[in-house]
C-alpha cells in the first residue's frame, strides 16, 4: 500500500467510515508494515477517548455488561468502540467467538464499532495488538473504547496497564469468585461489579470482596467502589457508567490520568522494541546458533553470549 492510499484510508477512518476503521484494525492485528505510517498520521490526534478495561473470570457476564454499557453511553450520544479479546482458534489463529453475539443488537449503529481480536496465545487476557488497536480507535473519534478481556485467571491482569479505568466483574455462586481475584484482580480494579446480583449470595459476595479490599490499600489512595448489578436486566448499569465517569474525573483532577497514559506509552515502546529484537533474532538465527554452540562447548557463558548478540544487533542497520 503506497502513501497516498494510506492517507486516504486514514482520512476515511477519521470521517467515521466503518470499513476503513476495520481495515486499520486488521493492519494492527497483522503487524503490517503500513502501520508505521498510519500511527504517524494519527499521532497528534490521540488522547481523547476514555479507555475502559472490563475483566473477570469466565462466566461473570463481561459481554452482557459491555453490551449494556454500550446502550447506556449511546443514550448520552457518545461514540463507543469495543475490542473484545477472544481465545484463538488452534487452526486459523483467529478469534474463536467472533464478534460477540450478545453485542449484535448494536451492529447497525454507525456510532458503535465492535471488533473481536484473537489473543493468539498472548498471556494476560489481552491480544498483543489490543493497545495499538485502542490507539487507532481513539484517533478515529470514539469517545469511549471498551476493551473486554478473555476470561482471566489469577495472573492475567495485563489490562490494568492499558486502560484508564479497569472494571473487575465478579458473580455470586461461583464458589471461588473472590479467591480467584485475590492473586491479582483485587490489586488492579478501579471499580468492582458484582454482576448477576439477582442470584442468591450477591450481598455476601460483596461483603467478602469489601473485606478483601480493606486488607490491601490502593496504590493511588482512592477508595474502590463496589456495585451490585444485573446487566442482563439492565439493573445497575447506570451506576456502573456513573462510577466509570466519576473515576475519569478523579483521574484528571489528581493528575493520575496523565501518569497512566505515560506508563501505557512506555509499555507500548518496550513491547515494540522487544518485538523488533525478536525479529532480528529470527533473521539472524545462525548467529544465535553459533553462540549457543559456544556456550555448550564451554567457551563463553550465557551472559557473554547475550552481550555478543546485542553487539551483533547493534551493527545491523534498522
Protein backbone atom coordinates (compact mmCIF):
# COMPACT_ATOMS: atom_id res chain seq x y z
CA UNK A 1 0.00 0.00 0.00
CA UNK A 2 1.55 3.33 -1.06
CA UNK A 3 1.47 6.53 0.98
CA UNK A 4 -1.48 8.24 -0.69
CA UNK A 5 -3.58 5.08 -0.21
CA UNK A 6 -2.67 5.05 3.49
CA UNK A 7 -3.54 8.75 3.80
CA UNK A 8 -6.89 8.11 2.09
CA UNK A 9 -7.62 5.19 4.42
CA UNK A 10 -6.79 7.28 7.49
CA UNK A 11 -8.90 10.18 6.22
CA UNK A 12 -11.92 7.91 5.67
CA UNK A 13 -11.46 6.41 9.13
CA UNK A 14 -11.37 9.90 10.64
CA UNK A 15 -14.71 10.53 8.93
CA UNK A 16 -16.10 7.51 10.77
CA UNK A 17 -16.24 5.09 7.83
CA UNK A 18 -16.60 1.68 9.48
CA UNK A 19 -14.91 -0.28 6.68
CA UNK A 20 -11.86 1.98 6.81
CA UNK A 21 -11.64 1.62 10.60
CA UNK A 22 -11.95 -2.17 10.29
CA UNK A 23 -9.17 -2.18 7.68
CA UNK A 24 -6.90 -0.22 10.02
CA UNK A 25 -7.56 -2.65 12.88
CA UNK A 26 -6.67 -5.51 10.51
CA UNK A 27 -3.35 -3.78 9.76
CA UNK A 28 -2.74 -3.61 13.52
CA UNK A 29 -3.53 -7.30 14.04
CA UNK A 30 -1.33 -8.35 11.12
CA UNK A 31 1.56 -6.11 12.18
CA UNK A 32 1.57 -4.77 8.63
CA UNK A 33 4.46 -2.52 7.51
CA UNK A 34 1.92 0.22 6.69
CA UNK A 35 1.15 0.50 10.39
CA UNK A 36 4.12 2.81 10.99
CA UNK A 37 2.74 5.37 8.55
CA UNK A 38 -0.78 5.01 9.96
CA UNK A 39 0.28 5.66 13.55
CA UNK A 40 2.49 8.56 12.44
CA UNK A 41 -0.51 10.20 10.77
CA UNK A 42 -2.65 9.59 13.86
CA UNK A 43 -0.06 10.68 16.44
CA UNK A 44 -1.30 14.28 17.00
CA UNK A 45 -4.94 13.22 17.46
CA UNK A 46 -4.80 10.56 20.19
CA UNK A 47 -5.62 11.01 23.86
CA UNK A 48 -9.31 11.92 23.57
CA UNK A 49 -11.04 8.60 24.28
CA UNK A 50 -11.60 7.13 27.72
CA UNK A 51 -10.09 3.62 27.61
CA UNK A 52 -12.03 1.26 29.90
CA UNK A 53 -10.94 -2.32 30.57
CA UNK A 54 -13.56 -4.91 31.51
CA UNK A 55 -12.17 -8.09 33.01
CA UNK A 56 -13.11 -11.02 35.21
CA UNK A 57 -13.33 -14.78 35.36
CA UNK A 58 -15.22 -16.74 32.68
CA UNK A 59 -18.99 -16.69 33.14
CA UNK A 60 -19.32 -13.43 35.09
CA UNK A 61 -21.12 -11.68 32.23
CA UNK A 62 -18.44 -9.49 30.66
CA UNK A 63 -20.03 -9.42 27.20
CA UNK A 64 -23.51 -8.76 28.60
CA UNK A 65 -22.17 -5.92 30.75
CA UNK A 66 -20.23 -4.47 27.83
CA UNK A 67 -23.35 -4.52 25.66
CA UNK A 68 -25.38 -2.84 28.40
CA UNK A 69 -22.73 -0.13 28.76
CA UNK A 70 -22.83 0.49 25.00
CA UNK A 71 -26.57 1.07 25.27
CA UNK A 72 -26.13 3.46 28.21
CA UNK A 73 -23.41 5.54 26.60
CA UNK A 74 -25.22 5.69 23.26
CA UNK A 75 -28.18 7.21 25.12
CA UNK A 76 -25.78 10.00 26.02
CA UNK A 77 -24.81 10.48 22.38
CA UNK A 78 -21.25 9.16 22.75
CA UNK A 79 -19.47 7.12 20.10
CA UNK A 80 -18.42 3.74 21.51
CA UNK A 81 -15.88 1.20 20.28
CA UNK A 82 -15.30 -2.30 21.65
CA UNK A 83 -12.26 -4.52 21.34
CA UNK A 84 -13.38 -7.95 22.52
CA UNK A 85 -10.36 -10.21 23.01
CA UNK A 86 -11.21 -13.84 22.37
CA UNK A 87 -9.31 -17.13 22.59
CA UNK A 88 -7.54 -18.10 19.37
CA UNK A 89 -8.52 -20.89 17.07
CA UNK A 90 -5.74 -23.51 17.06
CA UNK A 91 -6.27 -23.88 13.31
CA UNK A 92 -6.61 -20.36 11.89
CA UNK A 93 -5.24 -18.25 14.75
CA UNK A 94 -8.40 -16.13 14.54
CA UNK A 95 -10.83 -15.23 17.30
CA UNK A 96 -12.91 -18.26 18.25
CA UNK A 97 -16.06 -16.43 19.31
CA UNK A 98 -16.03 -13.82 16.57
CA UNK A 99 -17.95 -10.58 17.11
CA UNK A 100 -19.85 -11.26 20.30
CA UNK A 101 -23.40 -12.47 19.78
CA UNK A 102 -24.61 -10.56 22.82
CA UNK A 103 -23.49 -7.28 21.21
CA UNK A 104 -25.18 -7.80 17.86
CA UNK A 105 -28.07 -5.51 18.79
CA UNK A 106 -25.61 -2.66 18.19
CA UNK A 107 -24.32 -3.95 14.85
CA UNK A 108 -26.31 -1.49 12.71
CA UNK A 109 -25.47 1.57 14.82
CA UNK A 110 -22.96 3.68 12.82
CA UNK A 111 -21.59 5.17 16.06
CA UNK A 112 -20.70 1.76 17.53
CA UNK A 113 -17.73 -0.27 16.35
CA UNK A 114 -17.22 -3.82 17.66
CA UNK A 115 -14.21 -5.93 16.80
CA UNK A 116 -13.05 -9.28 18.12
CA UNK A 117 -9.30 -9.74 18.40
CA UNK A 118 -7.65 -13.13 18.84
CA UNK A 119 -5.37 -13.47 21.86
CA UNK A 120 -3.04 -15.63 19.73
CA UNK A 121 -1.53 -17.21 22.81
CA UNK A 122 -0.73 -13.87 24.45
CA UNK A 123 -0.85 -14.16 28.24
CA UNK A 124 -2.52 -11.56 30.39
CA UNK A 125 -6.01 -11.81 28.90
CA UNK A 126 -5.19 -9.41 26.07
CA UNK A 127 -4.19 -9.56 22.44
CA UNK A 128 -0.72 -8.14 21.74
CA UNK A 129 -2.40 -5.87 19.17
CA UNK A 130 -5.07 -4.53 21.56
CA UNK A 131 -3.13 -1.45 22.79
CA UNK A 132 -2.40 -0.22 19.27
CA UNK A 133 -5.95 -1.10 18.24
CA UNK A 134 -7.23 1.12 21.05
CA UNK A 135 -4.91 3.89 19.85
CA UNK A 136 -6.42 3.70 16.35
CA UNK A 137 -9.97 3.79 17.74
CA UNK A 138 -9.05 6.76 19.93
CA UNK A 139 -7.68 8.63 16.91
CA UNK A 140 -10.76 7.92 14.79
CA UNK A 141 -13.03 9.88 17.12
CA UNK A 142 -14.54 7.40 19.55
CA UNK A 143 -15.39 8.85 22.95
CA UNK A 144 -15.20 5.54 24.80
CA UNK A 145 -13.16 2.44 23.99
CA UNK A 146 -14.16 -0.68 25.93
CA UNK A 147 -11.56 -3.47 25.99
CA UNK A 148 -13.11 -6.75 27.08
CA UNK A 149 -10.51 -9.35 28.02
CA UNK A 150 -10.50 -13.09 27.66
CA UNK A 151 -11.90 -14.79 30.78
CA UNK A 152 -8.97 -14.33 33.09
CA UNK A 153 -7.37 -16.27 35.91
CA UNK A 154 -5.09 -15.20 38.71
CA UNK A 155 -2.12 -13.88 36.76
CA UNK A 156 -3.85 -12.42 33.72
CA UNK A 157 -4.09 -8.79 34.77
CA UNK A 158 -2.37 -7.02 31.90
CA UNK A 159 -5.42 -4.90 31.12
CA UNK A 160 -4.64 -2.59 34.06
CA UNK A 161 -1.57 -1.33 32.23
CA UNK A 162 -3.51 -0.46 29.09
CA UNK A 163 -6.72 1.12 30.43
CA UNK A 164 -7.53 4.44 32.08
CA UNK A 165 -10.18 2.69 34.16
CA UNK A 166 -10.30 -1.04 34.96
CA UNK A 167 -13.64 -2.63 35.84
CA UNK A 168 -13.42 -6.06 37.51
CA UNK A 169 -16.53 -8.25 37.34
CA UNK A 170 -17.39 -10.98 39.84
CA UNK A 171 -20.55 -13.05 40.25
CA UNK A 172 -22.17 -14.82 43.19
CA UNK A 173 -22.48 -18.58 43.25
CA UNK A 174 -19.18 -19.21 41.50
CA UNK A 175 -17.55 -20.60 44.63
CA UNK A 176 -14.07 -19.16 44.24
CA UNK A 177 -15.13 -15.79 42.84
CA UNK A 178 -13.24 -13.71 45.36
CA UNK A 179 -10.48 -16.29 45.80
CA UNK A 180 -9.77 -16.21 42.08
CA UNK A 181 -9.38 -12.47 42.28
CA UNK A 182 -7.08 -12.32 45.28
CA UNK A 183 -3.85 -13.16 43.47
CA UNK A 184 -4.18 -10.31 41.00
CA UNK A 185 -7.58 -8.89 40.19
CA UNK A 186 -8.06 -7.35 43.63
CA UNK A 187 -4.97 -5.24 43.04
CA UNK A 188 -5.88 -3.89 39.61
CA UNK A 189 -9.54 -2.86 39.84
CA UNK A 190 -10.63 0.78 39.93
CA UNK A 191 -14.24 -0.35 40.17
CA UNK A 192 -15.76 -3.71 41.16
CA UNK A 193 -19.09 -5.02 39.92
CA UNK A 194 -20.93 -7.97 41.43
CA UNK A 195 -22.90 -8.97 38.35
CA UNK A 196 -25.91 -11.30 38.33
CA UNK A 197 -26.86 -9.74 41.65
CA UNK A 198 -30.38 -11.17 41.38
CA UNK A 199 -28.86 -14.52 42.40
CA UNK A 200 -28.59 -15.70 45.97
CA UNK A 201 -25.36 -14.75 47.69
CA UNK A 202 -24.76 -11.43 45.92
CA UNK A 203 -24.66 -9.42 49.15
CA UNK A 204 -22.38 -11.90 50.89
CA UNK A 205 -20.06 -11.86 47.86
CA UNK A 206 -19.97 -8.07 48.05
CA UNK A 207 -19.24 -8.25 51.78
CA UNK A 208 -16.39 -10.74 51.25
CA UNK A 209 -15.00 -8.57 48.49
CA UNK A 210 -15.15 -5.45 50.65
CA UNK A 211 -13.29 -7.27 53.45
CA UNK A 212 -10.64 -8.43 50.99
CA UNK A 213 -10.21 -4.93 49.56
CA UNK A 214 -9.89 -3.50 53.06
CA UNK A 215 -6.76 -5.58 53.59
CA UNK A 216 -4.98 -4.08 50.58
CA UNK A 217 -4.54 -0.32 50.32
CA UNK A 218 -4.93 1.02 46.75
CA UNK A 219 -1.69 2.48 45.43
CA UNK A 220 -3.43 5.67 44.33
CA UNK A 221 -5.21 6.20 47.65
CA UNK A 222 -8.71 6.22 46.16
CA UNK A 223 -11.39 4.02 47.73
CA UNK A 224 -12.61 1.40 45.27
CA UNK A 225 -16.33 1.24 44.73
CA UNK A 226 -18.39 -1.97 44.67
CA UNK A 227 -21.62 -2.03 42.66
CA UNK A 228 -24.29 -4.72 42.55
CA UNK A 229 -25.80 -5.15 39.09
CA UNK A 230 -27.71 -7.49 36.81
CA UNK A 231 -26.58 -6.41 33.36
CA UNK A 232 -28.92 -8.76 31.50
CA UNK A 233 -31.86 -6.98 33.19
CA UNK A 234 -30.34 -3.52 32.83
CA UNK A 235 -30.15 -3.14 36.60
CA UNK A 236 -27.20 -1.19 38.00
CA UNK A 237 -25.83 -0.31 34.55
CA UNK A 238 -26.39 3.42 35.05
CA UNK A 239 -24.48 3.20 38.34
CA UNK A 240 -21.58 1.44 36.60
CA UNK A 241 -21.44 4.14 33.92
CA UNK A 242 -21.61 6.89 36.53
CA UNK A 243 -18.79 5.28 38.51
CA UNK A 244 -16.67 4.97 35.35
CA UNK A 245 -17.26 8.66 34.60
CA UNK A 246 -16.50 9.66 38.19
CA UNK A 247 -13.23 7.75 38.04
CA UNK A 248 -12.22 9.65 34.90
CA UNK A 249 -12.99 12.96 36.63
CA UNK A 250 -10.85 11.91 39.59
CA UNK A 251 -8.02 10.72 37.34
CA UNK A 252 -7.96 14.04 35.53
CA UNK A 253 -8.14 16.20 38.66
CA UNK A 254 -5.48 14.19 40.51
CA UNK A 255 -3.03 14.07 37.62
CA UNK A 256 -3.16 10.28 37.54
CA UNK A 257 -4.65 10.19 34.04
CA UNK A 258 -1.50 11.67 32.52
CA UNK A 259 0.65 9.29 34.58
CA UNK A 260 -1.33 6.22 33.49
CA UNK A 261 -1.20 7.22 29.84
CA UNK A 262 2.54 7.89 30.02
CA UNK A 263 3.01 4.45 31.61
CA UNK A 264 0.91 2.93 28.83
CA UNK A 265 3.11 4.52 26.16
CA UNK A 266 6.23 3.28 27.96
CA UNK A 267 4.85 -0.28 27.89
CA UNK A 268 4.00 0.05 24.21
CA UNK A 269 7.51 1.27 23.35
CA UNK A 270 9.03 -1.62 25.31
CA UNK A 271 6.76 -4.11 23.53
CA UNK A 272 7.69 -2.76 20.09
CA UNK A 273 11.39 -2.76 20.92
CA UNK A 274 11.26 -6.35 22.20
CA UNK A 275 9.27 -7.43 19.12
CA UNK A 276 11.92 -5.81 16.89
CA UNK A 277 14.68 -7.67 18.74
CA UNK A 278 12.83 -10.96 18.29
CA UNK A 279 12.50 -10.27 14.57
CA UNK A 280 16.24 -9.66 14.34
CA UNK A 281 16.89 -12.86 16.26
CA UNK A 282 14.79 -14.82 13.77
CA UNK A 283 16.54 -13.16 10.85
CA UNK A 284 19.99 -13.93 12.31
CA UNK A 285 19.31 -17.36 13.73
CA UNK A 286 22.74 -18.53 12.53
CA UNK A 287 24.43 -16.08 14.95
CA UNK A 288 22.26 -17.32 17.79
CA UNK A 289 23.08 -20.92 16.87
CA UNK A 290 26.81 -20.17 16.85
CA UNK A 291 26.59 -18.50 20.25
CA UNK A 292 24.59 -21.44 21.61
CA UNK A 293 27.25 -23.85 20.40
CA UNK A 294 29.95 -21.70 22.04
CA UNK A 295 28.10 -21.83 25.37
CA UNK A 296 27.61 -25.61 25.09
CA UNK A 297 31.33 -26.00 24.38
CA UNK A 298 32.17 -24.00 27.49
CA UNK A 299 33.95 -21.24 25.53
CA UNK A 300 31.67 -18.48 26.85
CA UNK A 301 28.86 -18.20 29.37
CA UNK A 302 25.25 -17.19 28.64
CA UNK A 303 25.81 -13.57 29.78
CA UNK A 304 28.71 -13.18 27.36
CA UNK A 305 26.60 -14.74 24.62
CA UNK A 306 23.76 -12.30 25.27
CA UNK A 307 26.17 -9.34 25.22
CA UNK A 308 27.66 -10.53 21.95
CA UNK A 309 24.22 -10.99 20.41
CA UNK A 310 23.28 -7.42 21.37
CA UNK A 311 26.52 -6.18 19.78
CA UNK A 312 25.59 -8.01 16.58
CA UNK A 313 22.14 -6.40 16.62
CA UNK A 314 23.72 -3.00 17.20
CA UNK A 315 25.70 -3.34 13.98
CA UNK A 316 22.59 -4.15 11.94
CA UNK A 317 21.06 -1.16 10.18
CA UNK A 318 17.35 -0.64 11.01
